[in-house]
Amino acid sequence: MNILYRILVTSILVMVISYFFPNIAHVDGVKSAIIVAIVLGLLNVFVKPIFVLFTLPFTVFTLGLFMLVINAAMIALCAKLVEGFRIEGFIGALLFSIILSLSQSVVYKLSGENK
C-alpha cells in the first residue's frame, strides 16, 4: 500500500507542478502523470544508484550539490521515456526536480509517511 500511496502523491504533484509552472513542465493528462510517477520511481531505484556511483568524486567535491544534477538528469531521462511529459531544458529539469522533492517532503511530513 505504501508504494501505491507514493505513486499517487507523486502523480498528483507532477500534475500540480505542471499546472503552476507551465514554462517548466507539461503533462498531457492524469494517465501521463501516473506513468511519470512509475517511471521516475523505477529510474530512482535502478538507474540513479549507477549515476551516483560513477559521479561520486564530483559529489564529494561539491559537498553533495552534484546530486541536484543527478536528480535533474533523472527527470530529463523520464521526460525522454514518457510520451506526454515534456520538460523545458536542463534548467527546467533542475527546477522541476527541486520543486518535486521539496513538495514530496512536505506532503510526506504532513501525512506522517516516513521517507
PDB file of N, CA and C in Angstrom:
ATOM      1  N   MET A   1       0.820  -1.194   0.000  1.00  0.00           N
ATOM      2  CA  MET A   1       0.000   0.000   0.000  1.00  0.00           C
ATOM      3  C   MET A   1       0.862   1.255   0.000  1.00  0.00           C
ATOM      4  N   ASN A   2       2.021   1.170   0.592  1.00  0.00           N
ATOM      5  CA  ASN A   2       2.936   2.295   0.661  1.00  0.00           C
ATOM      6  C   ASN A   2       3.363   2.743  -0.735  1.00  0.00           C
ATOM      7  N   ILE A   3       3.633   1.798  -1.629  1.00  0.00           N
ATOM      8  CA  ILE A   3       4.079   2.139  -2.974  1.00  0.00           C
ATOM      9  C   ILE A   3       2.961   2.817  -3.764  1.00  0.00           C
ATOM     10  N   LEU A   4       1.728   2.370  -3.580  1.00  0.00           N
ATOM     11  CA  LEU A   4       0.599   2.997  -4.266  1.00  0.00           C
ATOM     12  C   LEU A   4       0.384   4.426  -3.781  1.00  0.00           C
ATOM     13  N   TYR A   5       0.580   4.630  -2.477  1.00  0.00           N
ATOM     14  CA  TYR A   5       0.456   5.977  -1.911  1.00  0.00           C
ATOM     15  C   TYR A   5       1.508   6.908  -2.516  1.00  0.00           C
ATOM     16  N   ARG A   6       2.731   6.429  -2.616  1.00  0.00           N
ATOM     17  CA  ARG A   6       3.806   7.250  -3.171  1.00  0.00           C
ATOM     18  C   ARG A   6       3.576   7.563  -4.650  1.00  0.00           C
ATOM     19  N   ILE A   7       3.091   6.582  -5.403  1.00  0.00           N
ATOM     20  CA  ILE A   7       2.799   6.821  -6.813  1.00  0.00           C
ATOM     21  C   ILE A   7       1.680   7.849  -6.957  1.00  0.00           C
ATOM     22  N   LEU A   8       0.657   7.722  -6.129  1.00  0.00           N
ATOM     23  CA  LEU A   8      -0.455   8.669  -6.159  1.00  0.00           C
ATOM     24  C   LEU A   8       0.007  10.083  -5.810  1.00  0.00           C
ATOM     25  N   VAL A   9       0.793  10.209  -4.748  1.00  0.00           N
ATOM     26  CA  VAL A   9       1.291  11.529  -4.334  1.00  0.00           C
ATOM     27  C   VAL A   9       2.172  12.133  -5.418  1.00  0.00           C
ATOM     28  N   THR A  10       3.078  11.339  -5.965  1.00  0.00           N
ATOM     29  CA  THR A  10       3.979  11.858  -6.993  1.00  0.00           C
ATOM     30  C   THR A  10       3.222  12.267  -8.242  1.00  0.00           C
ATOM     31  N   SER A  11       2.243  11.469  -8.651  1.00  0.00           N
ATOM     32  CA  SER A  11       1.491  11.831  -9.848  1.00  0.00           C
ATOM     33  C   SER A  11       0.670  13.098  -9.636  1.00  0.00           C
ATOM     34  N   ILE A  12       0.083  13.258  -8.468  1.00  0.00           N
ATOM     35  CA  ILE A  12      -0.663  14.484  -8.175  1.00  0.00           C
ATOM     36  C   ILE A  12       0.277  15.688  -8.162  1.00  0.00           C
ATOM     37  N   LEU A  13       1.440  15.533  -7.551  1.00  0.00           N
ATOM     38  CA  LEU A  13       2.396  16.637  -7.503  1.00  0.00           C
ATOM     39  C   LEU A  13       2.926  16.989  -8.890  1.00  0.00           C
ATOM     40  N   VAL A  14       3.132  15.993  -9.732  1.00  0.00           N
ATOM     41  CA  VAL A  14       3.569  16.257 -11.109  1.00  0.00           C
ATOM     42  C   VAL A  14       2.511  17.076 -11.834  1.00  0.00           C
ATOM     43  N   MET A  15       1.250  16.718 -11.646  1.00  0.00           N
ATOM     44  CA  MET A  15       0.164  17.491 -12.271  1.00  0.00           C
ATOM     45  C   MET A  15       0.114  18.925 -11.730  1.00  0.00           C
ATOM     46  N   VAL A  16       0.241  19.066 -10.427  1.00  0.00           N
ATOM     47  CA  VAL A  16       0.172  20.397  -9.813  1.00  0.00           C
ATOM     48  C   VAL A  16       1.350  21.263 -10.255  1.00  0.00           C
ATOM     49  N   ILE A  17       2.532  20.697 -10.279  1.00  0.00           N
ATOM     50  CA  ILE A  17       3.720  21.461 -10.689  1.00  0.00           C
ATOM     51  C   ILE A  17       3.593  21.884 -12.147  1.00  0.00           C
ATOM     52  N   SER A  18       3.125  20.978 -12.999  1.00  0.00           N
ATOM     53  CA  SER A  18       2.984  21.336 -14.413  1.00  0.00           C
ATOM     54  C   SER A  18       1.882  22.375 -14.619  1.00  0.00           C
ATOM     55  N   TYR A  19       0.889  22.388 -13.738  1.00  0.00           N
ATOM     56  CA  TYR A  19      -0.173  23.395 -13.836  1.00  0.00           C
ATOM     57  C   TYR A  19       0.336  24.777 -13.421  1.00  0.00           C
ATOM     58  N   PHE A  20       1.078  24.850 -12.306  1.00  0.00           N
ATOM     59  CA  PHE A  20       1.539  26.138 -11.800  1.00  0.00           C
ATOM     60  C   PHE A  20       2.796  26.648 -12.495  1.00  0.00           C
ATOM     61  N   PHE A  21       3.556  25.762 -13.104  1.00  0.00           N
ATOM     62  CA  PHE A  21       4.778  26.151 -13.810  1.00  0.00           C
ATOM     63  C   PHE A  21       4.756  25.594 -15.232  1.00  0.00           C
ATOM     64  N   PRO A  22       3.879  26.125 -16.088  1.00  0.00           N
ATOM     65  CA  PRO A  22       3.763  25.571 -17.441  1.00  0.00           C
ATOM     66  C   PRO A  22       4.990  25.841 -18.317  1.00  0.00           C
ATOM     67  N   ASN A  23       5.806  26.817 -17.942  1.00  0.00           N
ATOM     68  CA  ASN A  23       7.016  27.082 -18.709  1.00  0.00           C
ATOM     69  C   ASN A  23       8.154  26.138 -18.331  1.00  0.00           C
ATOM     70  N   ILE A  24       7.983  25.339 -17.299  1.00  0.00           N
ATOM     71  CA  ILE A  24       8.995  24.355 -16.884  1.00  0.00           C
ATOM     72  C   ILE A  24       8.620  22.966 -17.375  1.00  0.00           C
ATOM     73  N   ALA A  25       7.377  22.550 -17.141  1.00  0.00           N
ATOM     74  CA  ALA A  25       6.961  21.183 -17.466  1.00  0.00           C
ATOM     75  C   ALA A  25       5.539  21.174 -18.001  1.00  0.00           C
ATOM     76  N   HIS A  26       5.271  20.135 -18.788  1.00  0.00           N
ATOM     77  CA  HIS A  26       3.924  19.950 -19.309  1.00  0.00           C
ATOM     78  C   HIS A  26       3.569  18.473 -19.262  1.00  0.00           C
ATOM     79  N   VAL A  27       2.384  18.178 -18.710  1.00  0.00           N
ATOM     80  CA  VAL A  27       1.875  16.815 -18.646  1.00  0.00           C
ATOM     81  C   VAL A  27       0.542  16.798 -19.390  1.00  0.00           C
ATOM     82  N   ASP A  28       0.374  15.821 -20.281  1.00  0.00           N
ATOM     83  CA  ASP A  28      -0.833  15.766 -21.104  1.00  0.00           C
ATOM     84  C   ASP A  28      -2.077  15.381 -20.327  1.00  0.00           C
ATOM     85  N   GLY A  29      -1.943  14.575 -19.284  1.00  0.00           N
ATOM     86  CA  GLY A  29      -3.124  14.171 -18.539  1.00  0.00           C
ATOM     87  C   GLY A  29      -2.773  13.341 -17.325  1.00  0.00           C
ATOM     88  N   VAL A  30      -3.813  12.832 -16.697  1.00  0.00           N
ATOM     89  CA  VAL A  30      -3.630  12.043 -15.477  1.00  0.00           C
ATOM     90  C   VAL A  30      -2.872  10.750 -15.769  1.00  0.00           C
ATOM     91  N   LYS A  31      -3.203  10.115 -16.890  1.00  0.00           N
ATOM     92  CA  LYS A  31      -2.521   8.876 -17.271  1.00  0.00           C
ATOM     93  C   LYS A  31      -1.023   9.110 -17.427  1.00  0.00           C
ATOM     94  N   SER A  32      -0.654  10.199 -18.081  1.00  0.00           N
ATOM     95  CA  SER A  32       0.764  10.521 -18.251  1.00  0.00           C
ATOM     96  C   SER A  32       1.429  10.797 -16.906  1.00  0.00           C
ATOM     97  N   ALA A  33       0.720  11.465 -16.000  1.00  0.00           N
ATOM     98  CA  ALA A  33       1.283  11.763 -14.685  1.00  0.00           C
ATOM     99  C   ALA A  33       1.518  10.488 -13.883  1.00  0.00           C
ATOM    100  N   ILE A  34       0.607   9.535 -13.981  1.00  0.00           N
ATOM    101  CA  ILE A  34       0.794   8.261 -13.275  1.00  0.00           C
ATOM    102  C   ILE A  34       1.971   7.500 -13.864  1.00  0.00           C
ATOM    103  N   ILE A  35       2.087   7.513 -15.197  1.00  0.00           N
ATOM    104  CA  ILE A  35       3.224   6.842 -15.843  1.00  0.00           C
ATOM    105  C   ILE A  35       4.534   7.533 -15.465  1.00  0.00           C
ATOM    106  N   VAL A  36       4.527   8.854 -15.377  1.00  0.00           N
ATOM    107  CA  VAL A  36       5.721   9.587 -14.944  1.00  0.00           C
ATOM    108  C   VAL A  36       6.121   9.171 -13.537  1.00  0.00           C
ATOM    109  N   ALA A  37       5.151   9.051 -12.643  1.00  0.00           N
ATOM    110  CA  ALA A  37       5.449   8.650 -11.267  1.00  0.00           C
ATOM    111  C   ALA A  37       6.055   7.252 -11.219  1.00  0.00           C
ATOM    112  N   ILE A  38       5.515   6.332 -11.997  1.00  0.00           N
ATOM    113  CA  ILE A  38       6.035   4.963 -12.014  1.00  0.00           C
ATOM    114  C   ILE A  38       7.426   4.912 -12.620  1.00  0.00           C
ATOM    115  N   VAL A  39       7.604   5.562 -13.770  1.00  0.00           N
ATOM    116  CA  VAL A  39       8.919   5.554 -14.434  1.00  0.00           C
ATOM    117  C   VAL A  39       9.957   6.258 -13.579  1.00  0.00           C
ATOM    118  N   LEU A  40       9.587   7.362 -12.963  1.00  0.00           N
ATOM    119  CA  LEU A  40      10.527   8.077 -12.101  1.00  0.00           C
ATOM    120  C   LEU A  40      10.930   7.229 -10.904  1.00  0.00           C
ATOM    121  N   GLY A  41       9.987   6.510 -10.330  1.00  0.00           N
ATOM    122  CA  GLY A  41      10.313   5.600  -9.237  1.00  0.00           C
ATOM    123  C   GLY A  41      11.264   4.495  -9.679  1.00  0.00           C
ATOM    124  N   LEU A  42      11.012   3.916 -10.850  1.00  0.00           N
ATOM    125  CA  LEU A  42      11.890   2.867 -11.362  1.00  0.00           C
ATOM    126  C   LEU A  42      13.286   3.398 -11.690  1.00  0.00           C
ATOM    127  N   LEU A  43      13.346   4.594 -12.273  1.00  0.00           N
ATOM    128  CA  LEU A  43      14.652   5.202 -12.556  1.00  0.00           C
ATOM    129  C   LEU A  43      15.423   5.470 -11.269  1.00  0.00           C
ATOM    130  N   ASN A  44      14.727   5.938 -10.246  1.00  0.00           N
ATOM    131  CA  ASN A  44      15.398   6.214  -8.973  1.00  0.00           C
ATOM    132  C   ASN A  44      15.886   4.948  -8.288  1.00  0.00           C
ATOM    133  N   VAL A  45      15.229   3.827  -8.550  1.00  0.00           N
ATOM    134  CA  VAL A  45      15.648   2.563  -7.936  1.00  0.00           C
ATOM    135  C   VAL A  45      16.785   1.904  -8.703  1.00  0.00           C
ATOM    136  N   PHE A  46      16.712   1.915 -10.039  1.00  0.00           N
ATOM    137  CA  PHE A  46      17.659   1.142 -10.828  1.00  0.00           C
ATOM    138  C   PHE A  46      18.781   1.958 -11.469  1.00  0.00           C
ATOM    139  N   VAL A  47      18.499   3.151 -11.968  1.00  0.00           N
ATOM    140  CA  VAL A  47      19.490   3.927 -12.719  1.00  0.00           C
ATOM    141  C   VAL A  47      20.247   4.914 -11.835  1.00  0.00           C
ATOM    142  N   LYS A  48      19.541   5.559 -10.934  1.00  0.00           N
ATOM    143  CA  LYS A  48      20.165   6.592 -10.095  1.00  0.00           C
ATOM    144  C   LYS A  48      21.353   6.075  -9.280  1.00  0.00           C
ATOM    145  N   PRO A  49      21.299   4.875  -8.676  1.00  0.00           N
ATOM    146  CA  PRO A  49      22.477   4.400  -7.946  1.00  0.00           C
ATOM    147  C   PRO A  49      23.723   4.253  -8.824  1.00  0.00           C
ATOM    148  N   ILE A  50      23.530   3.888 -10.082  1.00  0.00           N
ATOM    149  CA  ILE A  50      24.659   3.779 -11.005  1.00  0.00           C
ATOM    150  C   ILE A  50      25.245   5.155 -11.275  1.00  0.00           C
ATOM    151  N   PHE A  51      24.371   6.144 -11.509  1.00  0.00           N
ATOM    152  CA  PHE A  51      24.842   7.517 -11.709  1.00  0.00           C
ATOM    153  C   PHE A  51      25.595   8.022 -10.482  1.00  0.00           C
ATOM    154  N   VAL A  52      25.054   7.747  -9.315  1.00  0.00           N
ATOM    155  CA  VAL A  52      25.689   8.203  -8.072  1.00  0.00           C
ATOM    156  C   VAL A  52      27.064   7.567  -7.913  1.00  0.00           C
ATOM    157  N   LEU A  53      27.158   6.292  -8.233  1.00  0.00           N
ATOM    158  CA  LEU A  53      28.438   5.592  -8.109  1.00  0.00           C
ATOM    159  C   LEU A  53      29.491   6.172  -9.049  1.00  0.00           C
ATOM    160  N   PHE A  54      29.104   6.408 -10.297  1.00  0.00           N
ATOM    161  CA  PHE A  54      30.066   6.924 -11.268  1.00  0.00           C
ATOM    162  C   PHE A  54      30.438   8.385 -11.032  1.00  0.00           C
ATOM    163  N   THR A  55      29.568   9.135 -10.399  1.00  0.00           N
ATOM    164  CA  THR A  55      29.839  10.556 -10.160  1.00  0.00           C
ATOM    165  C   THR A  55      30.210  10.847  -8.712  1.00  0.00           C
ATOM    166  N   LEU A  56      30.579   9.831  -7.979  1.00  0.00           N
ATOM    167  CA  LEU A  56      30.909  10.004  -6.567  1.00  0.00           C
ATOM    168  C   LEU A  56      32.008  11.044  -6.324  1.00  0.00           C
ATOM    169  N   PRO A  57      33.099  11.077  -7.125  1.00  0.00           N
ATOM    170  CA  PRO A  57      34.102  12.123  -6.880  1.00  0.00           C
ATOM    171  C   PRO A  57      33.548  13.546  -7.027  1.00  0.00           C
ATOM    172  N   PHE A  58      32.685  13.763  -8.039  1.00  0.00           N
ATOM    173  CA  PHE A  58      32.081  15.092  -8.212  1.00  0.00           C
ATOM    174  C   PHE A  58      31.160  15.427  -7.043  1.00  0.00           C
ATOM    175  N   THR A  59      30.423  14.431  -6.589  1.00  0.00           N
ATOM    176  CA  THR A  59      29.502  14.643  -5.476  1.00  0.00           C
ATOM    177  C   THR A  59      30.251  14.992  -4.201  1.00  0.00           C
ATOM    178  N   VAL A  60      31.336  14.292  -3.946  1.00  0.00           N
ATOM    179  CA  VAL A  60      32.139  14.588  -2.757  1.00  0.00           C
ATOM    180  C   VAL A  60      32.790  15.961  -2.882  1.00  0.00           C
ATOM    181  N   PHE A  61      33.315  16.263  -4.072  1.00  0.00           N
ATOM    182  CA  PHE A  61      33.996  17.543  -4.288  1.00  0.00           C
ATOM    183  C   PHE A  61      33.045  18.724  -4.139  1.00  0.00           C
ATOM    184  N   THR A  62      31.793  18.549  -4.557  1.00  0.00           N
ATOM    185  CA  THR A  62      30.814  19.639  -4.462  1.00  0.00           C
ATOM    186  C   THR A  62      29.984  19.565  -3.184  1.00  0.00           C
ATOM    187  N   LEU A  63      30.394  18.707  -2.263  1.00  0.00           N
ATOM    188  CA  LEU A  63      29.721  18.544  -0.973  1.00  0.00           C
ATOM    189  C   LEU A  63      28.252  18.152  -1.138  1.00  0.00           C
ATOM    190  N   GLY A  64      27.981  17.320  -2.129  1.00  0.00           N
ATOM    191  CA  GLY A  64      26.648  16.793  -2.332  1.00  0.00           C
ATOM    192  C   GLY A  64      25.760  17.578  -3.276  1.00  0.00           C
ATOM    193  N   LEU A  65      26.192  18.746  -3.700  1.00  0.00           N
ATOM    194  CA  LEU A  65      25.359  19.554  -4.592  1.00  0.00           C
ATOM    195  C   LEU A  65      25.213  18.931  -5.972  1.00  0.00           C
ATOM    196  N   PHE A  66      26.125  18.053  -6.349  1.00  0.00           N
ATOM    197  CA  PHE A  66      26.016  17.399  -7.644  1.00  0.00           C
ATOM    198  C   PHE A  66      24.808  16.465  -7.693  1.00  0.00           C
ATOM    199  N   MET A  67      24.280  16.096  -6.536  1.00  0.00           N
ATOM    200  CA  MET A  67      23.071  15.270  -6.503  1.00  0.00           C
ATOM    201  C   MET A  67      21.888  15.998  -7.155  1.00  0.00           C
ATOM    202  N   LEU A  68      21.891  17.323  -7.114  1.00  0.00           N
ATOM    203  CA  LEU A  68      20.851  18.086  -7.810  1.00  0.00           C
ATOM    204  C   LEU A  68      20.923  17.844  -9.313  1.00  0.00           C
ATOM    205  N   VAL A  69      22.131  17.765  -9.834  1.00  0.00           N
ATOM    206  CA  VAL A  69      22.328  17.498 -11.257  1.00  0.00           C
ATOM    207  C   VAL A  69      21.867  16.079 -11.589  1.00  0.00           C
ATOM    208  N   ILE A  70      22.161  15.132 -10.725  1.00  0.00           N
ATOM    209  CA  ILE A  70      21.734  13.747 -10.950  1.00  0.00           C
ATOM    210  C   ILE A  70      20.205  13.654 -10.921  1.00  0.00           C
ATOM    211  N   ASN A  71      19.573  14.337  -9.988  1.00  0.00           N
ATOM    212  CA  ASN A  71      18.105  14.344  -9.931  1.00  0.00           C
ATOM    213  C   ASN A  71      17.515  14.975 -11.192  1.00  0.00           C
ATOM    214  N   ALA A  72      18.123  16.051 -11.657  1.00  0.00           N
ATOM    215  CA  ALA A  72      17.656  16.685 -12.898  1.00  0.00           C
ATOM    216  C   ALA A  72      17.848  15.751 -14.084  1.00  0.00           C
ATOM    217  N   ALA A  73      18.922  14.985 -14.093  1.00  0.00           N
ATOM    218  CA  ALA A  73      19.142  14.018 -15.170  1.00  0.00           C
ATOM    219  C   ALA A  73      18.082  12.925 -15.146  1.00  0.00           C
ATOM    220  N   MET A  74      17.656  12.519 -13.948  1.00  0.00           N
ATOM    221  CA  MET A  74      16.597  11.512 -13.852  1.00  0.00           C
ATOM    222  C   MET A  74      15.274  12.063 -14.390  1.00  0.00           C
ATOM    223  N   ILE A  75      14.975  13.320 -14.119  1.00  0.00           N
ATOM    224  CA  ILE A  75      13.759  13.957 -14.632  1.00  0.00           C
ATOM    225  C   ILE A  75      13.837  14.076 -16.150  1.00  0.00           C
ATOM    226  N   ALA A  76      14.997  14.505 -16.666  1.00  0.00           N
ATOM    227  CA  ALA A  76      15.161  14.641 -18.112  1.00  0.00           C
ATOM    228  C   ALA A  76      15.048  13.287 -18.809  1.00  0.00           C
ATOM    229  N   LEU A  77      15.620  12.252 -18.212  1.00  0.00           N
ATOM    230  CA  LEU A  77      15.514  10.907 -18.778  1.00  0.00           C
ATOM    231  C   LEU A  77      14.070  10.428 -18.748  1.00  0.00           C
ATOM    232  N   CYS A  78      13.367  10.724 -17.696  1.00  0.00           N
ATOM    233  CA  CYS A  78      11.954  10.372 -17.587  1.00  0.00           C
ATOM    234  C   CYS A  78      11.148  11.085 -18.675  1.00  0.00           C
ATOM    235  N   ALA A  79      11.474  12.330 -18.951  1.00  0.00           N
ATOM    236  CA  ALA A  79      10.778  13.085 -19.994  1.00  0.00           C
ATOM    237  C   ALA A  79      11.035  12.484 -21.371  1.00  0.00           C
ATOM    238  N   LYS A  80      12.225  11.935 -21.571  1.00  0.00           N
ATOM    239  CA  LYS A  80      12.530  11.272 -22.845  1.00  0.00           C
ATOM    240  C   LYS A  80      11.775   9.955 -22.987  1.00  0.00           C
ATOM    241  N   LEU A  81      11.561   9.264 -21.881  1.00  0.00           N
ATOM    242  CA  LEU A  81      10.936   7.945 -21.920  1.00  0.00           C
ATOM    243  C   LEU A  81       9.415   7.987 -21.957  1.00  0.00           C
ATOM    244  N   VAL A  82       8.824   8.979 -21.318  1.00  0.00           N
ATOM    245  CA  VAL A  82       7.360   9.033 -21.185  1.00  0.00           C
ATOM    246  C   VAL A  82       6.789   9.999 -22.214  1.00  0.00           C
ATOM    247  N   GLU A  83       5.930   9.459 -23.045  1.00  0.00           N
ATOM    248  CA  GLU A  83       5.247  10.295 -24.014  1.00  0.00           C
ATOM    249  C   GLU A  83       4.138  11.059 -23.290  1.00  0.00           C
ATOM    250  N   GLY A  84       4.046  12.342 -23.540  1.00  0.00           N
ATOM    251  CA  GLY A  84       3.048  13.145 -22.850  1.00  0.00           C
ATOM    252  C   GLY A  84       3.615  13.921 -21.674  1.00  0.00           C
ATOM    253  N   PHE A  85       4.925  13.833 -21.466  1.00  0.00           N
ATOM    254  CA  PHE A  85       5.584  14.581 -20.390  1.00  0.00           C
ATOM    255  C   PHE A  85       6.780  15.297 -21.000  1.00  0.00           C
ATOM    256  N   ARG A  86       6.772  16.615 -20.912  1.00  0.00           N
ATOM    257  CA  ARG A  86       7.841  17.413 -21.506  1.00  0.00           C
ATOM    258  C   ARG A  86       8.440  18.350 -20.470  1.00  0.00           C
ATOM    259  N   ILE A  87       9.748  18.473 -20.536  1.00  0.00           N
ATOM    260  CA  ILE A  87      10.495  19.393 -19.672  1.00  0.00           C
ATOM    261  C   ILE A  87      11.223  20.379 -20.578  1.00  0.00           C
ATOM    262  N   GLU A  88      11.224  21.635 -20.188  1.00  0.00           N
ATOM    263  CA  GLU A  88      11.865  22.676 -20.990  1.00  0.00           C
ATOM    264  C   GLU A  88      13.326  22.838 -20.594  1.00  0.00           C
ATOM    265  N   GLY A  89      14.199  22.049 -21.168  1.00  0.00           N
ATOM    266  CA  GLY A  89      15.635  22.191 -20.975  1.00  0.00           C
ATOM    267  C   GLY A  89      16.127  21.632 -19.651  1.00  0.00           C
ATOM    268  N   PHE A  90      17.446  21.707 -19.485  1.00  0.00           N
ATOM    269  CA  PHE A  90      18.055  21.152 -18.288  1.00  0.00           C
ATOM    270  C   PHE A  90      17.748  21.985 -17.052  1.00  0.00           C
ATOM    271  N   ILE A  91      17.693  23.302 -17.208  1.00  0.00           N
ATOM    272  CA  ILE A  91      17.346  24.175 -16.081  1.00  0.00           C
ATOM    273  C   ILE A  91      15.909  23.885 -15.628  1.00  0.00           C
ATOM    274  N   GLY A  92      15.029  23.633 -16.582  1.00  0.00           N
ATOM    275  CA  GLY A  92      13.664  23.253 -16.242  1.00  0.00           C
ATOM    276  C   GLY A  92      13.616  21.944 -15.471  1.00  0.00           C
ATOM    277  N   ALA A  93      14.449  20.978 -15.894  1.00  0.00           N
ATOM    278  CA  ALA A  93      14.518  19.697 -15.177  1.00  0.00           C
ATOM    279  C   ALA A  93      15.064  19.896 -13.768  1.00  0.00           C
ATOM    280  N   LEU A  94      16.043  20.784 -13.640  1.00  0.00           N
ATOM    281  CA  LEU A  94      16.618  21.069 -12.325  1.00  0.00           C
ATOM    282  C   LEU A  94      15.578  21.711 -11.405  1.00  0.00           C
ATOM    283  N   LEU A  95      14.871  22.707 -11.916  1.00  0.00           N
ATOM    284  CA  LEU A  95      13.832  23.365 -11.114  1.00  0.00           C
ATOM    285  C   LEU A  95      12.698  22.399 -10.784  1.00  0.00           C
ATOM    286  N   PHE A  96      12.292  21.585 -11.758  1.00  0.00           N
ATOM    287  CA  PHE A  96      11.225  20.610 -11.535  1.00  0.00           C
ATOM    288  C   PHE A  96      11.629  19.615 -10.458  1.00  0.00           C
ATOM    289  N   SER A  97      12.870  19.137 -10.502  1.00  0.00           N
ATOM    290  CA  SER A  97      13.307  18.150  -9.503  1.00  0.00           C
ATOM    291  C   SER A  97      13.374  18.760  -8.109  1.00  0.00           C
ATOM    292  N   ILE A  98      13.791  20.006  -8.006  1.00  0.00           N
ATOM    293  CA  ILE A  98      13.849  20.677  -6.705  1.00  0.00           C
ATOM    294  C   ILE A  98      12.437  20.874  -6.148  1.00  0.00           C
ATOM    295  N   ILE A  99      11.530  21.380  -6.994  1.00  0.00           N
ATOM    296  CA  ILE A  99      10.162  21.618  -6.547  1.00  0.00           C
ATOM    297  C   ILE A  99       9.481  20.304  -6.172  1.00  0.00           C
ATOM    298  N   LEU A 100       9.687  19.253  -6.978  1.00  0.00           N
ATOM    299  CA  LEU A 100       9.073  17.960  -6.693  1.00  0.00           C
ATOM    300  C   LEU A 100       9.611  17.367  -5.399  1.00  0.00           C
ATOM    301  N   SER A 101      10.908  17.439  -5.196  1.00  0.00           N
ATOM    302  CA  SER A 101      11.498  16.885  -3.972  1.00  0.00           C
ATOM    303  C   SER A 101      11.006  17.615  -2.731  1.00  0.00           C
ATOM    304  N   LEU A 102      10.978  18.935  -2.795  1.00  0.00           N
ATOM    305  CA  LEU A 102      10.506  19.710  -1.646  1.00  0.00           C
ATOM    306  C   LEU A 102       9.028  19.457  -1.363  1.00  0.00           C
ATOM    307  N   SER A 103       8.219  19.409  -2.403  1.00  0.00           N
ATOM    308  CA  SER A 103       6.786  19.192  -2.189  1.00  0.00           C
ATOM    309  C   SER A 103       6.502  17.775  -1.701  1.00  0.00           C
ATOM    310  N   GLN A 104       7.266  16.784  -2.185  1.00  0.00           N
ATOM    311  CA  GLN A 104       7.110  15.422  -1.669  1.00  0.00           C
ATOM    312  C   GLN A 104       7.474  15.370  -0.187  1.00  0.00           C
ATOM    313  N   SER A 105       8.524  16.046   0.182  1.00  0.00           N
ATOM    314  CA  SER A 105       8.933  16.073   1.586  1.00  0.00           C
ATOM    315  C   SER A 105       7.846  16.677   2.465  1.00  0.00           C
ATOM    316  N   VAL A 106       7.254  17.760   1.999  1.00  0.00           N
ATOM    317  CA  VAL A 106       6.194  18.414   2.771  1.00  0.00           C
ATOM    318  C   VAL A 106       4.978  17.500   2.896  1.00  0.00           C
ATOM    319  N   VAL A 107       4.562  16.893   1.796  1.00  0.00           N
ATOM    320  CA  VAL A 107       3.376  16.022   1.828  1.00  0.00           C
ATOM    321  C   VAL A 107       3.618  14.814   2.719  1.00  0.00           C
ATOM    322  N   TYR A 108       4.796  14.181   2.594  1.00  0.00           N
ATOM    323  CA  TYR A 108       5.082  13.007   3.422  1.00  0.00           C
ATOM    324  C   TYR A 108       5.193  13.381   4.897  1.00  0.00           C
ATOM    325  N   LYS A 109       5.720  14.556   5.189  1.00  0.00           N
ATOM    326  CA  LYS A 109       5.811  15.006   6.573  1.00  0.00           C
ATOM    327  C   LYS A 109       4.431  15.283   7.158  1.00  0.00           C
ATOM    328  N   LEU A 110       3.585  15.922   6.380  1.00  0.00           N
ATOM    329  CA  LEU A 110       2.232  16.232   6.861  1.00  0.00           C
ATOM    330  C   LEU A 110       1.380  14.987   7.020  1.00  0.00           C
ATOM    331  N   SER A 111       1.613  13.989   6.195  1.00  0.00           N
ATOM    332  CA  SER A 111       0.795  12.780   6.273  1.00  0.00           C
ATOM    333  C   SER A 111       1.362  11.744   7.233  1.00  0.00           C
ATOM    334  N   GLY A 112       2.548  12.022   7.776  1.00  0.00           N
ATOM    335  CA  GLY A 112       3.153  11.090   8.707  1.00  0.00           C
ATOM    336  C   GLY A 112       3.889   9.956   8.035  1.00  0.00           C
ATOM    337  N   GLU A 113       4.041  10.021   6.737  1.00  0.00           N
ATOM    338  CA  GLU A 113       4.732   8.991   5.953  1.00  0.00           C
ATOM    339  C   GLU A 113       6.245   9.203   6.090  1.00  0.00           C
ATOM    340  N   ASN A 114       6.951   8.163   6.456  1.00  0.00           N
ATOM    341  CA  ASN A 114       8.416   8.251   6.544  1.00  0.00           C
ATOM    342  C   ASN A 114       9.013   8.045   5.174  1.00  0.00           C
ATOM    343  N   LYS A 115       9.989   8.885   4.853  1.00  0.00           N
ATOM    344  CA  LYS A 115      10.641   8.761   3.553  1.00  0.00           C
ATOM    345  C   LYS A 115      11.909   7.977   3.666  1.00  0.00           C
TER     346      LYS A 115
END
